[in-house]
Amino acid sequence: ESSRLFWKHIMAMGSDLINYLTKRLYIWESIYVFTMNVCLPRRIPLFVS
């Protein structure tokens, strides 16, 4: 019985960790997309000229 509670606890921690990591990944991905779409295109004319 205690092992079942233990596994339930581990699974809950695992799902919390996965949720946390996917939120972090989403934030970093949106920062990356923002950088590629906004910051870099403005620098391209500098290289061209």
PDB file of N, CA and C in Angstrom:
ATOM      1  N   GLU A   1       0.836  -1.209   0.000  1.00  0.00           N
ATOM      2  CA  GLU A   1       0.000   0.000   0.000  1.00  0.00           C
ATOM      3  C   GLU A   1       0.873   1.262   0.000  1.00  0.00           C
ATOM      4  N   SER A   2       1.935   1.233   0.793  1.00  0.00           N
ATOM      5  CA  SER A   2       2.811   2.404   0.856  1.00  0.00           C
ATOM      6  C   SER A   2       3.543   2.597  -0.474  1.00  0.00           C
ATOM      7  N   SER A   3       3.882   1.484  -1.132  1.00  0.00           N
ATOM      8  CA  SER A   3       4.572   1.596  -2.421  1.00  0.00           C
ATOM      9  C   SER A   3       3.651   2.210  -3.474  1.00  0.00           C
ATOM     10  N   ARG A   4       2.351   1.920  -3.381  1.00  0.00           N
ATOM     11  CA  ARG A   4       1.401   2.503  -4.327  1.00  0.00           C
ATOM     12  C   ARG A   4       1.322   4.015  -4.129  1.00  0.00           C
ATOM     13  N   LEU A   5       1.284   4.446  -2.870  1.00  0.00           N
ATOM     14  CA  LEU A   5       1.286   5.876  -2.576  1.00  0.00           C
ATOM     15  C   LEU A   5       2.584   6.519  -3.053  1.00  0.00           C
ATOM     16  N   PHE A   6       3.683   5.804  -2.858  1.00  0.00           N
ATOM     17  CA  PHE A   6       4.987   6.301  -3.290  1.00  0.00           C
ATOM     18  C   PHE A   6       5.002   6.526  -4.803  1.00  0.00           C
ATOM     19  N   TRP A   7       4.505   5.533  -5.558  1.00  0.00           N
ATOM     20  CA  TRP A   7       4.485   5.662  -7.014  1.00  0.00           C
ATOM     21  C   TRP A   7       3.548   6.776  -7.470  1.00  0.00           C
ATOM     22  N   LYS A   8       2.428   6.919  -6.749  1.00  0.00           N
ATOM     23  CA  LYS A   8       1.488   7.991  -7.084  1.00  0.00           C
ATOM     24  C   LYS A   8       2.161   9.356  -6.899  1.00  0.00           C
ATOM     25  N   HIS A   9       2.943   9.457  -5.825  1.00  0.00           N
ATOM     26  CA  HIS A   9       3.684  10.687  -5.538  1.00  0.00           C
ATOM     27  C   HIS A   9       4.727  10.953  -6.633  1.00  0.00           C
ATOM     28  N   ILE A  10       5.454   9.912  -7.029  1.00  0.00           N
ATOM     29  CA  ILE A  10       6.473  10.042  -8.078  1.00  0.00           C
ATOM     30  C   ILE A  10       5.840  10.475  -9.402  1.00  0.00           C
ATOM     31  N   MET A  11       4.712   9.869  -9.742  1.00  0.00           N
ATOM     32  CA  MET A  11       4.041  10.211 -10.991  1.00  0.00           C
ATOM     33  C   MET A  11       3.552  11.656 -10.975  1.00  0.00           C
ATOM     34  N   ALA A  12       3.051  12.108  -9.831  1.00  0.00           N
ATOM     35  CA  ALA A  12       2.586  13.487  -9.709  1.00  0.00           C
ATOM     36  C   ALA A  12       3.755  14.456  -9.864  1.00  0.00           C
ATOM     37  N   MET A  13       4.874  14.134  -9.232  1.00  0.00           N
ATOM     38  CA  MET A  13       6.059  14.974  -9.363  1.00  0.00           C
ATOM     39  C   MET A  13       6.535  15.006 -10.810  1.00  0.00           C
ATOM     40  N   GLY A  14       6.505  13.851 -11.467  1.00  0.00           N
ATOM     41  CA  GLY A  14       6.930  13.768 -12.862  1.00  0.00           C
ATOM     42  C   GLY A  14       6.065  14.622 -13.772  1.00  0.00           C
ATOM     43  N   SER A  15       4.757  14.587 -13.575  1.00  0.00           N
ATOM     44  CA  SER A  15       3.868  15.380 -14.423  1.00  0.00           C
ATOM     45  C   SER A  15       4.054  16.871 -14.157  1.00  0.00           C
ATOM     46  N   ASP A  16       4.291  17.234 -12.882  1.00  0.00           N
ATOM     47  CA  ASP A  16       4.579  18.633 -12.560  1.00  0.00           C
ATOM     48  C   ASP A  16       5.854  19.088 -13.256  1.00  0.00           C
ATOM     49  N   LEU A  17       6.869  18.232 -13.229  1.00  0.00           N
ATOM     50  CA  LEU A  17       8.144  18.559 -13.868  1.00  0.00           C
ATOM     51  C   LEU A  17       7.972  18.727 -15.374  1.00  0.00           C
ATOM     52  N   ILE A  18       7.197  17.840 -15.985  1.00  0.00           N
ATOM     53  CA  ILE A  18       6.952  17.914 -17.429  1.00  0.00           C
ATOM     54  C   ILE A  18       6.207  19.201 -17.782  1.00  0.00           C
ATOM     55  N   ASN A  19       5.206  19.552 -16.972  1.00  0.00           N
ATOM     56  CA  ASN A  19       4.479  20.802 -17.204  1.00  0.00           C
ATOM     57  C   ASN A  19       5.408  22.000 -17.100  1.00  0.00           C
ATOM     58  N   TYR A  20       6.278  21.994 -16.080  1.00  0.00           N
ATOM     59  CA  TYR A  20       7.224  23.086 -15.868  1.00  0.00           C
ATOM     60  C   TYR A  20       8.172  23.212 -17.058  1.00  0.00           C
ATOM     61  N   LEU A  21       8.708  22.077 -17.509  1.00  0.00           N
ATOM     62  CA  LEU A  21       9.671  22.097 -18.609  1.00  0.00           C
ATOM     63  C   LEU A  21       9.026  22.528 -19.919  1.00  0.00           C
ATOM     64  N   THR A  22       7.789  22.091 -20.174  1.00  0.00           N
ATOM     65  CA  THR A  22       7.134  22.486 -21.419  1.00  0.00           C
ATOM     66  C   THR A  22       6.823  23.979 -21.411  1.00  0.00           C
ATOM     67  N   LYS A  23       6.469  24.536 -20.238  1.00  0.00           N
ATOM     68  CA  LYS A  23       6.263  25.981 -20.154  1.00  0.00           C
ATOM     69  C   LYS A  23       7.566  26.721 -20.417  1.00  0.00           C
ATOM     70  N   ARG A  24       8.666  26.246 -19.818  1.00  0.00           N
ATOM     71  CA  ARG A  24       9.974  26.864 -20.050  1.00  0.00           C
ATOM     72  C   ARG A  24      10.343  26.795 -21.530  1.00  0.00           C
ATOM     73  N   LEU A  25      10.139  25.619 -22.137  1.00  0.00           N
ATOM     74  CA  LEU A  25      10.473  25.423 -23.542  1.00  0.00           C
ATOM     75  C   LEU A  25       9.651  26.358 -24.416  1.00  0.00           C
ATOM     76  N   TYR A  26       8.374  26.523 -24.080  1.00  0.00           N
ATOM     77  CA  TYR A  26       7.501  27.416 -24.836  1.00  0.00           C
ATOM     78  C   TYR A  26       8.007  28.853 -24.765  1.00  0.00           C
ATOM     79  N   ILE A  27       8.422  29.275 -23.552  1.00  0.00           N
ATOM     80  CA  ILE A  27       8.941  30.634 -23.362  1.00  0.00           C
ATOM     81  C   ILE A  27      10.197  30.844 -24.204  1.00  0.00           C
ATOM     82  N   TRP A  28      11.141  29.886 -24.137  1.00  0.00           N
ATOM     83  CA  TRP A  28      12.388  30.026 -24.895  1.00  0.00           C
ATOM     84  C   TRP A  28      12.127  30.007 -26.392  1.00  0.00           C
ATOM     85  N   GLU A  29      11.172  29.165 -26.825  1.00  0.00           N
ATOM     86  CA  GLU A  29      10.859  29.078 -28.247  1.00  0.00           C
ATOM     87  C   GLU A  29      10.255  30.386 -28.747  1.00  0.00           C
ATOM     88  N   SER A  30       9.393  30.989 -27.936  1.00  0.00           N
ATOM     89  CA  SER A  30       8.782  32.251 -28.346  1.00  0.00           C
ATOM     90  C   SER A  30       9.816  33.374 -28.374  1.00  0.00           C
ATOM     91  N   ILE A  31      10.772  33.356 -27.422  1.00  0.00           N
ATOM     92  CA  ILE A  31      11.860  34.340 -27.434  1.00  0.00           C
ATOM     93  C   ILE A  31      12.696  34.170 -28.704  1.00  0.00           C
ATOM     94  N   TYR A  32      12.990  32.919 -29.040  1.00  0.00           N
ATOM     95  CA  TYR A  32      13.788  32.625 -30.238  1.00  0.00           C
ATOM     96  C   TYR A  32      13.075  33.101 -31.506  1.00  0.00           C
ATOM     97  N   VAL A  33      11.782  32.787 -31.607  1.00  0.00           N
ATOM     98  CA  VAL A  33      11.003  33.191 -32.779  1.00  0.00           C
ATOM     99  C   VAL A  33      10.929  34.711 -32.869  1.00  0.00           C
ATOM    100  N   PHE A  34      10.728  35.365 -31.728  1.00  0.00           N
ATOM    101  CA  PHE A  34      10.686  36.824 -31.691  1.00  0.00           C
ATOM    102  C   PHE A  34      12.008  37.410 -32.181  1.00  0.00           C
ATOM    103  N   THR A  35      13.117  36.837 -31.711  1.00  0.00           N
ATOM    104  CA  THR A  35      14.441  37.320 -32.110  1.00  0.00           C
ATOM    105  C   THR A  35      14.662  37.148 -33.603  1.00  0.00           C
ATOM    106  N   MET A  36      14.309  35.978 -34.133  1.00  0.00           N
ATOM    107  CA  MET A  36      14.519  35.712 -35.552  1.00  0.00           C
ATOM    108  C   MET A  36      13.650  36.613 -36.429  1.00  0.00           C
ATOM    109  N   ASN A  37      12.428  36.910 -35.976  1.00  0.00           N
ATOM    110  CA  ASN A  37      11.490  37.660 -36.812  1.00  0.00           C
ATOM    111  C   ASN A  37      11.636  39.172 -36.679  1.00  0.00           C
ATOM    112  N   VAL A  38      12.077  39.646 -35.513  1.00  0.00           N
ATOM    113  CA  VAL A  38      12.085  41.087 -35.254  1.00  0.00           C
ATOM    114  C   VAL A  38      13.497  41.660 -35.285  1.00  0.00           C
ATOM    115  N   CYS A  39      14.416  41.060 -34.558  1.00  0.00           N
ATOM    116  CA  CYS A  39      15.749  41.643 -34.404  1.00  0.00           C
ATOM    117  C   CYS A  39      16.626  41.410 -35.628  1.00  0.00           C
ATOM    118  N   LEU A  40      16.623  40.193 -36.154  1.00  0.00           N
ATOM    119  CA  LEU A  40      17.542  39.869 -37.248  1.00  0.00           C
ATOM    120  C   LEU A  40      17.196  40.548 -38.572  1.00  0.00           C
ATOM    121  N   PRO A  41      15.921  40.604 -38.993  1.00  0.00           N
ATOM    122  CA  PRO A  41      15.623  41.265 -40.275  1.00  0.00           C
ATOM    123  C   PRO A  41      16.043  42.728 -40.314  1.00  0.00           C
ATOM    124  N   ARG A  42      16.068  43.400 -39.170  1.00  0.00           N
ATOM    125  CA  ARG A  42      16.483  44.797 -39.143  1.00  0.00           C
ATOM    126  C   ARG A  42      17.989  44.939 -39.352  1.00  0.00           C
ATOM    127  N   ARG A  43      18.736  43.890 -39.065  1.00  0.00           N
ATOM    128  CA  ARG A  43      20.188  43.964 -39.220  1.00  0.00           C
ATOM    129  C   ARG A  43      20.630  43.608 -40.636  1.00  0.00           C
ATOM    130  N   ILE A  44      19.776  42.928 -41.379  1.00  0.00           N
ATOM    131  CA  ILE A  44      20.146  42.478 -42.723  1.00  0.00           C
ATOM    132  C   ILE A  44      20.489  43.657 -43.655  1.00  0.00           C
ATOM    133  N   PRO A  45      19.717  44.762 -43.686  1.00  0.00           N
ATOM    134  CA  PRO A  45      20.078  45.892 -44.551  1.00  0.00           C
ATOM    135  C   PRO A  45      21.455  46.470 -44.238  1.00  0.00           C
ATOM    136  N   LEU A  46      21.902  46.376 -42.987  1.00  0.00           N
ATOM    137  CA  LEU A  46      23.234  46.857 -42.639  1.00  0.00           C
ATOM    138  C   LEU A  46      24.301  46.060 -43.380  1.00  0.00           C
ATOM    139  N   PHE A  47      24.090  44.747 -43.477  1.00  0.00           N
ATOM    140  CA  PHE A  47      25.051  43.907 -44.187  1.00  0.00           C
ATOM    141  C   PHE A  47      24.980  44.162 -45.693  1.00  0.00           C
ATOM    142  N   VAL A  48      23.778  44.422 -46.196  1.00  0.00           N
ATOM    143  CA  VAL A  48      23.594  44.632 -47.631  1.00  0.00           C
ATOM    144  C   VAL A  48      24.252  45.936 -48.064  1.00  0.00           C
ATOM    145  N   SER A  49      24.044  46.994 -47.305  1.00  0.00           N
ATOM    146  CA  SER A  49      24.625  48.289 -47.638  1.00  0.00           C
ATOM    147  C   SER A  49      26.068  48.360 -47.143  1.00  0.00           C
TER     148      SER A  49
END
